[in-house]
Amino acid sequence: MKSSKFTFYLLLVPVLLWLVLLIVLPHIDLFISSFQFENDDGDMVFSFNNYLAFFEDKIYWLTFVKTALYSIAVTILGFVITFPVAFYLTKVVARKFSIFMTLLLLIPLWVGELVTIYGWMILLSDTGVINNFLISIGIIETPIQMLYTNFSLTIGLVYMSMLFMIIPIMSALDSLDDSMIEAACDLGATKWTIFTKIIIPYAMPGIASGGIIVFMLVIGDYIAPNILGGKSSLWFTEQIYNQFLSTFNWNEGASFGFLLLLLSSLIIFIALKLTGQKLDRVGR
């Protein structure tokens, strides 16, 4: 008994140290810094000016809203694309092929985000693979501007986040008893009824879990929006980056970071309420 308690505390200490030293304390320091403002005398005073600056400049809150809307859209689009794939891999294809095909899905993680994004640049550029192919078969005469647009931004974000949506959904669907679907078919239920009344409700914890992961990754991403979107597709993380490393206004950058954290937490809370899910069940 004493040995098991000692093992428990031995494993607990590194986790607590990691949480406190690398997450809690830095966030507390940034939170305090977000309320510090340098007055005319050069002294740091407690003020809400860093937060008020967000609402005074139109570009800040417009980028803020755009980032939120696009993150929600990418999350929904990721679900629409990945759910049929997850269902096919767990309920249709044979187990041995499913493992191999799932392994193929992990390849983008091996390559890395930056290399993958540059791969998409090759595909979407004016002289890229897609435009050259469309011109060669006579569909278009001049290249279509796809790179450095909201379209390329969306494509990149969806591609980079799909894997984090499909794995939780596959985990949820894998435990679904096939006899439930067979019984519904025997009782005369339509495919749409089976899909909406059995499959979706059963997979909802996995959908919610994947949605939260994807949404948080997308709304906090910096590389994909900055490279694929270009200057025409502003992302709020770029505003935070500029405050920290371009203007060296760490206090205002900290306030922007906490506004983004507040926004993402609020959207996740609303999504959990709308789907009827609880955070403890989603996190399992």
Protein backbone atom coordinates (compact mmCIF):
# COMPACT_ATOMS: atom_id res chain seq x y z
CA MET A 1 0.00 0.00 0.00
CA LYS A 2 2.79 2.41 0.92
CA SER A 3 4.67 1.45 -2.22
CA SER A 4 1.66 2.26 -4.43
CA LYS A 5 1.22 5.65 -2.74
CA PHE A 6 4.91 6.43 -3.19
CA THR A 7 4.67 5.52 -6.89
CA PHE A 8 1.59 7.71 -7.28
CA TYR A 9 3.27 10.77 -5.76
CA LEU A 10 6.48 10.06 -7.66
CA LEU A 11 4.53 10.23 -10.93
CA LEU A 12 2.45 13.18 -9.76
CA VAL A 13 5.38 15.48 -8.95
CA PRO A 14 6.72 15.81 -12.55
CA VAL A 15 3.21 16.48 -13.83
CA LEU A 16 2.61 19.21 -11.25
CA LEU A 17 6.01 20.76 -11.92
CA TRP A 18 5.30 20.76 -15.65
CA LEU A 19 1.88 22.36 -15.17
CA VAL A 20 3.01 24.97 -12.64
CA LEU A 21 6.38 25.97 -14.10
CA LEU A 22 5.60 25.81 -17.82
CA ILE A 23 1.90 26.71 -17.94
CA VAL A 24 0.46 28.31 -14.80
CA LEU A 25 3.29 30.68 -13.81
CA PRO A 26 4.00 32.01 -17.34
CA HIS A 27 0.29 32.66 -17.88
CA ILE A 28 -0.02 34.44 -14.54
CA ASP A 29 2.97 36.62 -15.43
CA LEU A 30 1.49 37.45 -18.84
CA PHE A 31 -1.89 38.18 -17.27
CA ILE A 32 -0.32 40.66 -14.87
CA SER A 33 1.71 42.19 -17.70
CA SER A 34 -1.45 42.71 -19.76
CA PHE A 35 -2.64 45.27 -17.20
CA GLN A 36 0.66 47.15 -17.02
CA PHE A 37 0.86 50.38 -19.00
CA GLU A 38 3.72 52.82 -19.31
CA ASN A 39 2.55 56.37 -18.51
CA ASP A 40 4.05 59.65 -19.68
CA ASP A 41 6.57 59.59 -16.85
CA GLY A 42 7.88 56.19 -17.94
CA ASP A 43 6.40 54.37 -14.95
CA MET A 44 4.41 51.14 -15.19
CA VAL A 45 0.89 51.57 -13.81
CA PHE A 46 -2.16 49.35 -13.58
CA SER A 47 -4.45 50.17 -16.48
CA PHE A 48 -6.95 48.75 -18.97
CA ASN A 49 -5.36 50.75 -21.80
CA ASN A 50 -3.83 47.65 -23.39
CA TYR A 51 -7.28 46.10 -23.73
CA LEU A 52 -8.90 49.37 -24.80
CA ALA A 53 -6.32 49.68 -27.60
CA PHE A 54 -7.84 46.54 -29.13
CA PHE A 55 -11.23 48.23 -29.59
CA GLU A 56 -9.80 51.58 -30.69
CA ASP A 57 -8.10 50.16 -33.79
CA LYS A 58 -10.52 48.72 -36.35
CA ILE A 59 -7.98 46.33 -37.87
CA TYR A 60 -7.53 44.55 -34.53
CA TRP A 61 -11.11 43.57 -33.84
CA LEU A 62 -11.91 42.89 -37.51
CA THR A 63 -8.99 40.44 -37.62
CA PHE A 64 -10.18 39.06 -34.28
CA VAL A 65 -13.67 38.33 -35.66
CA LYS A 66 -12.32 36.94 -38.93
CA THR A 67 -10.00 34.57 -37.08
CA ALA A 68 -12.89 33.27 -34.96
CA LEU A 69 -15.25 32.78 -37.92
CA TYR A 70 -12.66 31.07 -40.09
CA SER A 71 -11.60 28.81 -37.22
CA ILE A 72 -15.22 27.71 -36.73
CA ALA A 73 -15.65 27.18 -40.49
CA VAL A 74 -12.43 25.14 -40.75
CA THR A 75 -13.53 22.99 -37.80
CA ILE A 76 -16.91 22.28 -39.39
CA LEU A 77 -15.36 21.63 -42.79
CA GLY A 78 -12.82 19.30 -41.21
CA PHE A 79 -15.64 17.31 -39.62
CA VAL A 80 -17.57 17.06 -42.90
CA ILE A 81 -14.47 15.76 -44.71
CA THR A 82 -13.14 13.41 -42.05
CA PHE A 83 -16.29 11.77 -40.70
CA PRO A 84 -16.96 9.62 -43.81
CA VAL A 85 -13.28 8.61 -43.80
CA ALA A 86 -13.42 7.70 -40.10
CA PHE A 87 -16.60 5.68 -40.61
CA TYR A 88 -15.11 3.86 -43.60
CA LEU A 89 -11.91 2.97 -41.75
CA THR A 90 -13.72 1.70 -38.64
CA LYS A 91 -16.91 0.09 -40.00
CA VAL A 92 -16.42 -0.73 -43.68
CA VAL A 93 -12.86 -1.70 -44.57
CA ALA A 94 -11.21 -4.83 -43.17
CA ARG A 95 -9.21 -4.43 -39.97
CA LYS A 96 -5.81 -5.18 -41.51
CA PHE A 97 -6.35 -2.62 -44.27
CA SER A 98 -7.72 -0.11 -41.76
CA ILE A 99 -4.49 -0.16 -39.74
CA PHE A 100 -2.40 0.40 -42.89
CA MET A 101 -4.61 3.23 -44.15
CA THR A 102 -4.60 4.87 -40.73
CA LEU A 103 -0.82 4.73 -40.79
CA LEU A 104 -0.88 6.58 -44.10
CA LEU A 105 -2.86 9.36 -42.45
CA LEU A 106 0.04 9.96 -40.05
CA ILE A 107 2.52 10.76 -42.84
CA PRO A 108 1.84 14.56 -42.78
CA LEU A 109 2.91 14.59 -39.12
CA TRP A 110 6.20 12.94 -40.03
CA VAL A 111 6.96 15.59 -42.66
CA GLY A 112 6.12 18.58 -40.47
CA GLU A 113 3.84 21.59 -40.90
CA LEU A 114 6.33 23.89 -42.59
CA VAL A 115 7.34 21.39 -45.31
CA THR A 116 3.69 20.49 -45.92
CA ILE A 117 2.73 24.16 -46.30
CA TYR A 118 5.49 24.72 -48.87
CA GLY A 119 4.16 21.66 -50.68
CA TRP A 120 0.77 23.36 -50.92
CA MET A 121 2.48 26.51 -52.22
CA ILE A 122 3.89 24.44 -55.09
CA LEU A 123 0.43 23.09 -55.84
CA LEU A 124 -1.47 26.39 -55.62
CA SER A 125 0.95 28.93 -57.12
CA ASP A 126 0.36 30.57 -60.51
CA THR A 127 3.00 28.31 -62.04
CA GLY A 128 2.11 25.38 -59.82
CA VAL A 129 0.86 21.89 -60.54
CA ILE A 130 -2.88 22.67 -60.47
CA ASN A 131 -2.73 25.73 -62.76
CA ASN A 132 -0.39 24.01 -65.22
CA PHE A 133 -2.68 20.99 -65.37
CA LEU A 134 -5.82 23.10 -65.95
CA ILE A 135 -4.06 25.10 -68.68
CA SER A 136 -2.71 21.94 -70.37
CA ILE A 137 -6.17 20.38 -70.71
CA GLY A 138 -7.70 23.67 -71.93
CA ILE A 139 -10.03 24.43 -69.03
CA ILE A 140 -8.40 27.82 -68.36
CA GLU A 141 -6.13 30.07 -70.44
CA THR A 142 -4.51 32.11 -67.67
CA PRO A 143 -3.51 30.97 -64.17
CA ILE A 144 -6.06 31.29 -61.37
CA GLN A 145 -4.92 33.24 -58.34
CA MET A 146 -5.19 30.63 -55.58
CA LEU A 147 -2.13 31.29 -53.46
CA TYR A 148 -2.08 34.11 -50.88
CA THR A 149 -5.86 34.16 -50.65
CA ASN A 150 -8.46 33.12 -48.12
CA PHE A 151 -8.97 30.00 -50.24
CA SER A 152 -5.38 28.83 -49.83
CA LEU A 153 -5.53 29.79 -46.16
CA THR A 154 -8.59 27.59 -45.63
CA ILE A 155 -7.15 24.68 -47.61
CA GLY A 156 -3.94 24.74 -45.60
CA LEU A 157 -5.67 24.96 -42.22
CA VAL A 158 -8.10 22.14 -43.06
CA TYR A 159 -5.33 19.88 -44.31
CA MET A 160 -3.07 20.49 -41.32
CA SER A 161 -5.84 19.88 -38.77
CA MET A 162 -7.79 16.98 -40.31
CA LEU A 163 -5.78 14.29 -38.59
CA PHE A 164 -6.61 15.72 -35.15
CA MET A 165 -10.31 15.47 -36.03
CA ILE A 166 -10.32 11.99 -37.51
CA ILE A 167 -8.47 10.15 -34.72
CA PRO A 168 -10.98 11.00 -31.89
CA ILE A 169 -13.89 10.20 -34.20
CA MET A 170 -12.36 6.85 -35.14
CA SER A 171 -11.81 6.08 -31.47
CA ALA A 172 -15.49 6.75 -30.72
CA LEU A 173 -16.83 4.84 -33.73
CA ASP A 174 -14.56 1.87 -33.10
CA SER A 175 -16.47 1.03 -29.91
CA LEU A 176 -19.87 1.26 -31.62
CA ASP A 177 -21.50 -2.18 -31.70
CA ASP A 178 -22.38 -3.10 -35.27
CA SER A 179 -25.43 -5.02 -34.02
CA MET A 180 -27.08 -1.69 -33.16
CA ILE A 181 -26.94 -0.65 -36.81
CA GLU A 182 -28.07 -4.10 -37.97
CA ALA A 183 -31.02 -4.07 -35.54
CA ALA A 184 -32.07 -0.63 -36.80
CA CYS A 185 -31.95 -1.89 -40.39
CA ASP A 186 -34.04 -4.95 -39.48
CA LEU A 187 -36.64 -2.68 -37.87
CA GLY A 188 -36.96 -0.66 -41.07
CA ALA A 189 -34.96 2.44 -40.16
CA THR A 190 -33.67 4.48 -43.09
CA LYS A 191 -29.98 5.22 -43.54
CA TRP A 192 -30.56 8.85 -42.57
CA THR A 193 -32.35 7.80 -39.38
CA ILE A 194 -29.52 5.41 -38.47
CA PHE A 195 -26.98 8.13 -39.17
CA THR A 196 -28.71 10.86 -37.15
CA LYS A 197 -30.20 8.76 -34.32
CA ILE A 198 -27.49 6.16 -33.71
CA ILE A 199 -24.14 6.93 -35.31
CA ILE A 200 -23.87 10.69 -34.71
CA PRO A 201 -25.11 10.62 -31.07
CA TYR A 202 -22.78 7.73 -30.24
CA ALA A 203 -19.79 9.44 -31.87
CA MET A 204 -20.61 12.86 -30.43
CA PRO A 205 -17.96 12.74 -27.63
CA GLY A 206 -15.31 11.99 -30.26
CA ILE A 207 -16.68 14.69 -32.56
CA ALA A 208 -16.65 17.24 -29.74
CA SER A 209 -13.15 16.21 -28.67
CA GLY A 210 -11.81 16.46 -32.22
CA GLY A 211 -13.63 19.73 -32.77
CA ILE A 212 -12.07 21.30 -29.67
CA ILE A 213 -8.57 20.15 -30.64
CA VAL A 214 -8.92 21.36 -34.23
CA PHE A 215 -10.47 24.68 -33.25
CA MET A 216 -7.74 25.45 -30.72
CA LEU A 217 -5.00 24.47 -33.19
CA VAL A 218 -6.48 26.58 -35.98
CA ILE A 219 -7.27 29.70 -33.98
CA GLY A 220 -3.76 29.68 -32.51
CA ASP A 221 -1.90 28.80 -35.71
CA TYR A 222 0.65 31.25 -37.06
CA ILE A 223 2.66 29.51 -39.79
CA ALA A 224 -0.12 28.45 -42.18
CA PRO A 225 -2.05 31.77 -42.17
CA ASN A 226 1.15 33.79 -42.51
CA ILE A 227 2.62 31.78 -45.41
CA LEU A 228 -0.43 30.58 -47.36
CA GLY A 229 -2.69 33.55 -46.65
CA GLY A 230 -0.08 36.21 -47.19
CA LYS A 231 -0.69 39.82 -46.26
CA SER A 232 -4.24 39.76 -47.66
CA SER A 233 -5.36 37.19 -45.07
CA LEU A 234 -4.71 38.70 -41.66
CA TRP A 235 -4.79 36.34 -38.69
CA PHE A 236 -4.99 37.46 -35.08
CA THR A 237 -1.91 35.48 -34.05
CA GLU A 238 0.04 37.68 -36.46
CA GLN A 239 -1.17 40.73 -34.54
CA ILE A 240 0.06 39.13 -31.31
CA TYR A 241 3.40 38.31 -32.94
CA ASN A 242 3.78 41.90 -34.14
CA GLN A 243 3.11 43.27 -30.67
CA PHE A 244 5.70 41.00 -29.07
CA LEU A 245 8.51 40.90 -31.64
CA SER A 246 7.95 43.81 -34.05
CA THR A 247 6.95 46.69 -31.79
CA PHE A 248 8.24 45.03 -28.58
CA ASN A 249 5.04 46.03 -26.79
CA TRP A 250 4.84 42.94 -24.60
CA ASN A 251 2.09 44.32 -22.39
CA GLU A 252 -0.30 44.92 -25.28
CA GLY A 253 0.71 41.60 -26.83
CA ALA A 254 -0.15 39.85 -23.56
CA SER A 255 -3.58 41.51 -23.52
CA PHE A 256 -4.21 40.39 -27.10
CA GLY A 257 -3.19 36.85 -26.18
CA PHE A 258 -5.66 36.72 -23.30
CA LEU A 259 -8.42 38.15 -25.46
CA LEU A 260 -7.82 35.28 -27.89
CA LEU A 261 -7.83 32.80 -25.00
CA LEU A 262 -11.10 34.26 -23.70
CA LEU A 263 -12.69 34.10 -27.15
CA SER A 264 -11.67 30.49 -27.79
CA SER A 265 -12.84 29.40 -24.33
CA LEU A 266 -16.19 31.11 -24.86
CA ILE A 267 -16.73 29.49 -28.26
CA ILE A 268 -15.85 26.04 -26.88
CA PHE A 269 -18.24 26.57 -23.94
CA ILE A 270 -21.07 27.51 -26.31
CA ALA A 271 -20.30 24.54 -28.59
CA LEU A 272 -20.41 22.11 -25.64
CA LYS A 273 -23.75 23.54 -24.53
CA LEU A 274 -25.24 23.32 -28.02
CA THR A 275 -24.12 19.71 -28.48
CA GLY A 276 -25.12 18.70 -24.94
CA GLN A 277 -21.63 17.43 -24.13
CA LYS A 278 -19.68 17.72 -20.89
CA LEU A 279 -15.99 18.50 -20.82
CA ASP A 280 -15.13 15.58 -18.56
CA ARG A 281 -16.80 13.11 -20.95
CA VAL A 282 -15.21 14.69 -24.03
CA GLY A 283 -11.75 14.53 -22.48
CA ARG A 284 -11.84 10.78 -21.87
